Amino acid sequence: MDRQKAKREAKREFWRQVLADWARSGMSKSEYARVHGLKISTLRWWSSHYPHWSRHRGAAEPDTATERRSDTDEAQARLTVGGTTVEVPPGFCEQTLERLLGVLERRA
């Protein structure tokens, strides 16, 4: 594989991961870009050209479980803070989770 092709593929993989992370984060594109130091215009371009990279499936979760297994056999955590329950899918953005938990703790 030549150098340019490898660089192109690395860039595509980076943005595939960014779009998947953004989709899991629940944030708007502009908020996600700001939090992660990305240009909003670049995030918009990639998401418009590769929308399938940011799709994630939604599923009803059991009410009593504290952890469940997904199709890929990764754990999904369920956290309760101040009476609010948050379900955290595998690979969820750590920075976003920290911000969310901070908001919930302040409200509790």
Protein backbone atom coordinates (compact mmCIF):
# COMPACT_ATOMS: atom_id res chain seq x y z
CA MET A 1 0.00 0.00 0.00
CA ASP A 2 1.46 3.35 -0.94
CA ARG A 3 1.91 6.13 1.58
CA GLN A 4 -0.95 8.35 0.38
CA LYS A 5 -3.41 5.49 0.36
CA ALA A 6 -2.43 4.52 3.91
CA LYS A 7 -2.82 8.13 5.03
CA ARG A 8 -6.26 8.35 3.36
CA GLU A 9 -7.40 5.14 5.02
CA ALA A 10 -6.15 6.28 8.43
CA LYS A 11 -8.07 9.54 8.00
CA ARG A 12 -11.25 7.70 7.02
CA GLU A 13 -10.90 5.38 10.04
CA PHE A 14 -10.40 8.36 12.35
CA TRP A 15 -13.58 10.02 11.06
CA ARG A 16 -15.52 6.76 11.14
CA GLN A 17 -14.69 6.50 14.83
CA VAL A 18 -15.47 10.18 15.45
CA LEU A 19 -18.90 9.85 13.80
CA ALA A 20 -19.72 6.70 15.74
CA ASP A 21 -18.66 8.39 18.99
CA TRP A 22 -20.66 11.52 18.15
CA ALA A 23 -23.78 9.40 17.47
CA ARG A 24 -23.42 7.66 20.85
CA SER A 25 -22.76 10.94 22.67
CA GLY A 26 -26.24 12.39 22.17
CA MET A 27 -24.69 15.83 21.58
CA SER A 28 -25.38 18.15 18.69
CA LYS A 29 -22.67 18.31 16.05
CA SER A 30 -21.64 21.80 17.13
CA GLU A 31 -21.42 20.84 20.81
CA TYR A 32 -19.48 17.66 20.03
CA ALA A 33 -17.07 19.57 17.77
CA ARG A 34 -16.49 22.20 20.44
CA VAL A 35 -15.90 19.65 23.22
CA HIS A 36 -13.50 17.60 21.09
CA GLY A 37 -11.65 20.46 19.40
CA LEU A 38 -12.95 19.70 15.91
CA LYS A 39 -14.06 22.09 13.20
CA ILE A 40 -17.85 21.95 12.94
CA SER A 41 -17.67 22.32 9.17
CA THR A 42 -15.41 19.26 8.92
CA LEU A 43 -17.66 17.20 11.18
CA ARG A 44 -20.67 18.23 9.10
CA TRP A 45 -18.89 17.32 5.86
CA TRP A 46 -17.94 13.84 7.05
CA SER A 47 -21.37 13.18 8.55
CA SER A 48 -23.12 14.25 5.35
CA HIS A 49 -20.88 12.15 3.10
CA TYR A 50 -20.84 9.07 5.36
CA PRO A 51 -24.14 9.12 7.29
CA HIS A 52 -24.08 5.35 7.80
CA TRP A 53 -21.01 5.75 10.04
CA SER A 54 -23.05 7.66 12.61
CA ARG A 55 -26.08 5.39 12.72
CA HIS A 56 -26.55 3.32 15.80
CA ARG A 57 -29.36 1.02 16.66
CA GLY A 58 -31.74 1.89 19.43
CA ALA A 59 -33.06 -0.87 21.61
CA ALA A 60 -35.38 -1.11 24.55
CA GLU A 61 -33.43 -1.95 27.68
CA PRO A 62 -34.64 -4.11 30.55
CA ASP A 63 -35.76 -2.10 33.60
CA THR A 64 -34.24 -4.26 36.31
CA ALA A 65 -30.82 -5.10 34.90
CA THR A 66 -27.74 -3.18 35.94
CA GLU A 67 -25.75 -4.56 33.06
CA ARG A 68 -26.68 -6.28 29.83
CA ARG A 69 -24.84 -7.89 26.95
CA SER A 70 -25.09 -6.51 23.43
CA ASP A 71 -24.88 -8.44 20.19
CA THR A 72 -21.12 -7.94 20.32
CA ASP A 73 -21.04 -9.26 23.92
CA GLU A 74 -19.85 -5.97 25.44
CA ALA A 75 -21.21 -4.79 28.77
CA GLN A 76 -23.64 -1.89 28.98
CA ALA A 77 -23.66 -0.10 32.32
CA ARG A 78 -26.67 1.42 34.03
CA LEU A 79 -25.93 4.21 36.51
CA THR A 80 -28.37 5.94 38.86
CA VAL A 81 -27.47 9.41 40.12
CA GLY A 82 -29.92 11.44 42.18
CA GLY A 83 -32.86 9.33 41.06
CA THR A 84 -31.98 9.59 37.36
CA THR A 85 -30.90 6.41 35.58
CA VAL A 86 -28.45 6.61 32.70
CA GLU A 87 -27.66 3.67 30.44
CA VAL A 88 -24.16 3.81 29.01
CA PRO A 89 -23.48 1.82 25.84
CA PRO A 90 -20.08 0.30 25.13
CA GLY A 91 -17.63 2.83 23.73
CA PHE A 92 -19.60 5.85 24.99
CA CYS A 93 -17.52 9.04 25.03
CA GLU A 94 -15.83 9.28 28.42
CA GLN A 95 -15.75 13.08 28.38
CA THR A 96 -19.46 13.25 27.65
CA LEU A 97 -20.24 10.80 30.45
CA GLU A 98 -18.19 12.85 32.92
CA ARG A 99 -20.07 16.01 31.93
CA LEU A 100 -23.43 14.27 32.19
CA LEU A 101 -22.65 12.83 35.61
CA GLY A 102 -21.50 16.27 36.79
CA VAL A 103 -24.81 17.80 35.72
CA LEU A 104 -26.79 15.03 37.41
CA GLU A 105 -24.79 15.36 40.64
CA ARG A 106 -25.39 19.13 40.75
CA ARG A 107 -29.14 18.56 40.29
CA ALA A 108 -29.32 15.90 43.00
